Amino acid sequence: MSQTKREQVISHIRYLRQELREMHLGIIDDGLFPEPGELRGIMAQLEALLELVEGNTKIRSKSEAA
């Protein structure tokens, strides 16, 4: 993994860890669950991180492209 890619991954992980920590504290301290949009945003960022790590080597099939 190149140094730049490694730095991007580390940055993403730190950001996601902080977001998840804040959500966890909100649940523990206040009993408030995160909004569905917040959870979808975290999931999208995790998917982007996975693509970055995998190098986006997946080739989309014609059915996915349509």
C-alpha atoms as a PDB file:
ATOM      1  CA  MET A   1       0.000   0.000   0.000  1.00  0.00           C
ATOM      2  CA  SER A   2       1.470   3.345  -0.966  1.00  0.00           C
ATOM      3  CA  GLN A   3       2.214   5.906   1.726  1.00  0.00           C
ATOM      4  CA  THR A   4      -0.478   8.298   0.445  1.00  0.00           C
ATOM      5  CA  LYS A   5      -3.115   5.583   0.427  1.00  0.00           C
ATOM      6  CA  ARG A   6      -2.020   4.492   3.902  1.00  0.00           C
ATOM      7  CA  GLU A   7      -2.413   8.064   5.179  1.00  0.00           C
ATOM      8  CA  GLN A   8      -5.888   8.281   3.626  1.00  0.00           C
ATOM      9  CA  VAL A   9      -6.929   5.040   5.288  1.00  0.00           C
ATOM     10  CA  ILE A  10      -5.577   6.167   8.656  1.00  0.00           C
ATOM     11  CA  SER A  11      -7.411   9.485   8.328  1.00  0.00           C
ATOM     12  CA  HIS A  12     -10.691   7.753   7.437  1.00  0.00           C
ATOM     13  CA  ILE A  13     -10.364   5.332  10.339  1.00  0.00           C
ATOM     14  CA  ARG A  14      -9.655   8.112  12.823  1.00  0.00           C
ATOM     15  CA  TYR A  15     -12.660  10.098  11.626  1.00  0.00           C
ATOM     16  CA  LEU A  16     -14.966   7.074  11.737  1.00  0.00           C
ATOM     17  CA  ARG A  17     -13.700   6.083  15.172  1.00  0.00           C
ATOM     18  CA  GLN A  18     -14.465   9.569  16.485  1.00  0.00           C
ATOM     19  CA  GLU A  19     -17.950   9.558  14.947  1.00  0.00           C
ATOM     20  CA  LEU A  20     -18.719   6.143  16.404  1.00  0.00           C
ATOM     21  CA  ARG A  21     -17.339   7.169  19.797  1.00  0.00           C
ATOM     22  CA  GLU A  22     -19.670  10.197  19.829  1.00  0.00           C
ATOM     23  CA  MET A  23     -22.647   8.016  18.874  1.00  0.00           C
ATOM     24  CA  HIS A  24     -21.764   5.531  21.602  1.00  0.00           C
ATOM     25  CA  LEU A  25     -21.485   8.264  24.237  1.00  0.00           C
ATOM     26  CA  GLY A  26     -24.840   9.651  23.135  1.00  0.00           C
ATOM     27  CA  ILE A  27     -26.426   6.262  23.646  1.00  0.00           C
ATOM     28  CA  ILE A  28     -24.740   5.609  26.988  1.00  0.00           C
ATOM     29  CA  ASP A  29     -25.092   9.080  28.513  1.00  0.00           C
ATOM     30  CA  ASP A  30     -28.414  10.285  27.134  1.00  0.00           C
ATOM     31  CA  GLY A  31     -30.098   7.132  25.865  1.00  0.00           C
ATOM     32  CA  LEU A  32     -30.423   8.847  22.487  1.00  0.00           C
ATOM     33  CA  PHE A  33     -29.989   6.731  19.401  1.00  0.00           C
ATOM     34  CA  PRO A  34     -28.401   8.267  16.296  1.00  0.00           C
ATOM     35  CA  GLU A  35     -30.561   9.369  13.417  1.00  0.00           C
ATOM     36  CA  PRO A  36     -30.890   6.855  10.565  1.00  0.00           C
ATOM     37  CA  GLY A  37     -29.158   9.335   8.247  1.00  0.00           C
ATOM     38  CA  GLU A  38     -26.132   9.430  10.531  1.00  0.00           C
ATOM     39  CA  LEU A  39     -25.901   5.658  10.456  1.00  0.00           C
ATOM     40  CA  ARG A  40     -26.259   5.590   6.674  1.00  0.00           C
ATOM     41  CA  GLY A  41     -23.488   8.186   6.427  1.00  0.00           C
ATOM     42  CA  ILE A  42     -21.148   6.081   8.564  1.00  0.00           C
ATOM     43  CA  MET A  43     -21.971   2.994   6.488  1.00  0.00           C
ATOM     44  CA  ALA A  44     -21.254   4.893   3.263  1.00  0.00           C
ATOM     45  CA  GLN A  45     -17.917   6.044   4.645  1.00  0.00           C
ATOM     46  CA  LEU A  46     -17.039   2.497   5.681  1.00  0.00           C
ATOM     47  CA  GLU A  47     -17.866   1.314   2.161  1.00  0.00           C
ATOM     48  CA  ALA A  48     -15.669   4.060   0.689  1.00  0.00           C
ATOM     49  CA  LEU A  49     -12.865   3.026   3.021  1.00  0.00           C
ATOM     50  CA  LEU A  50     -13.223  -0.591   1.947  1.00  0.00           C
ATOM     51  CA  GLU A  51     -13.039   0.430  -1.712  1.00  0.00           C
ATOM     52  CA  LEU A  52      -9.939   2.490  -0.987  1.00  0.00           C
ATOM     53  CA  VAL A  53      -8.266  -0.429   0.778  1.00  0.00           C
ATOM     54  CA  GLU A  54      -9.242  -2.917  -1.914  1.00  0.00           C
ATOM     55  CA  GLY A  55      -8.075  -0.544  -4.610  1.00  0.00           C
ATOM     56  CA  ASN A  56     -11.507  -0.647  -6.206  1.00  0.00           C
ATOM     57  CA  THR A  57     -10.482  -3.714  -8.205  1.00  0.00           C
ATOM     58  CA  LYS A  58     -14.025  -4.933  -8.584  1.00  0.00           C
ATOM     59  CA  ILE A  59     -15.285  -4.800 -12.158  1.00  0.00           C
ATOM     60  CA  ARG A  60     -18.932  -3.938 -12.399  1.00  0.00           C
ATOM     61  CA  SER A  61     -21.025  -6.359 -14.400  1.00  0.00           C
ATOM     62  CA  LYS A  62     -23.274  -5.112 -17.182  1.00  0.00           C
ATOM     63  CA  SER A  63     -26.334  -5.644 -14.971  1.00  0.00           C
ATOM     64  CA  GLU A  64     -24.851  -3.411 -12.240  1.00  0.00           C
ATOM     65  CA  ALA A  65     -23.921  -0.713 -14.745  1.00  0.00           C
ATOM     66  CA  ALA A  66     -27.450  -0.557 -16.176  1.00  0.00           C
END
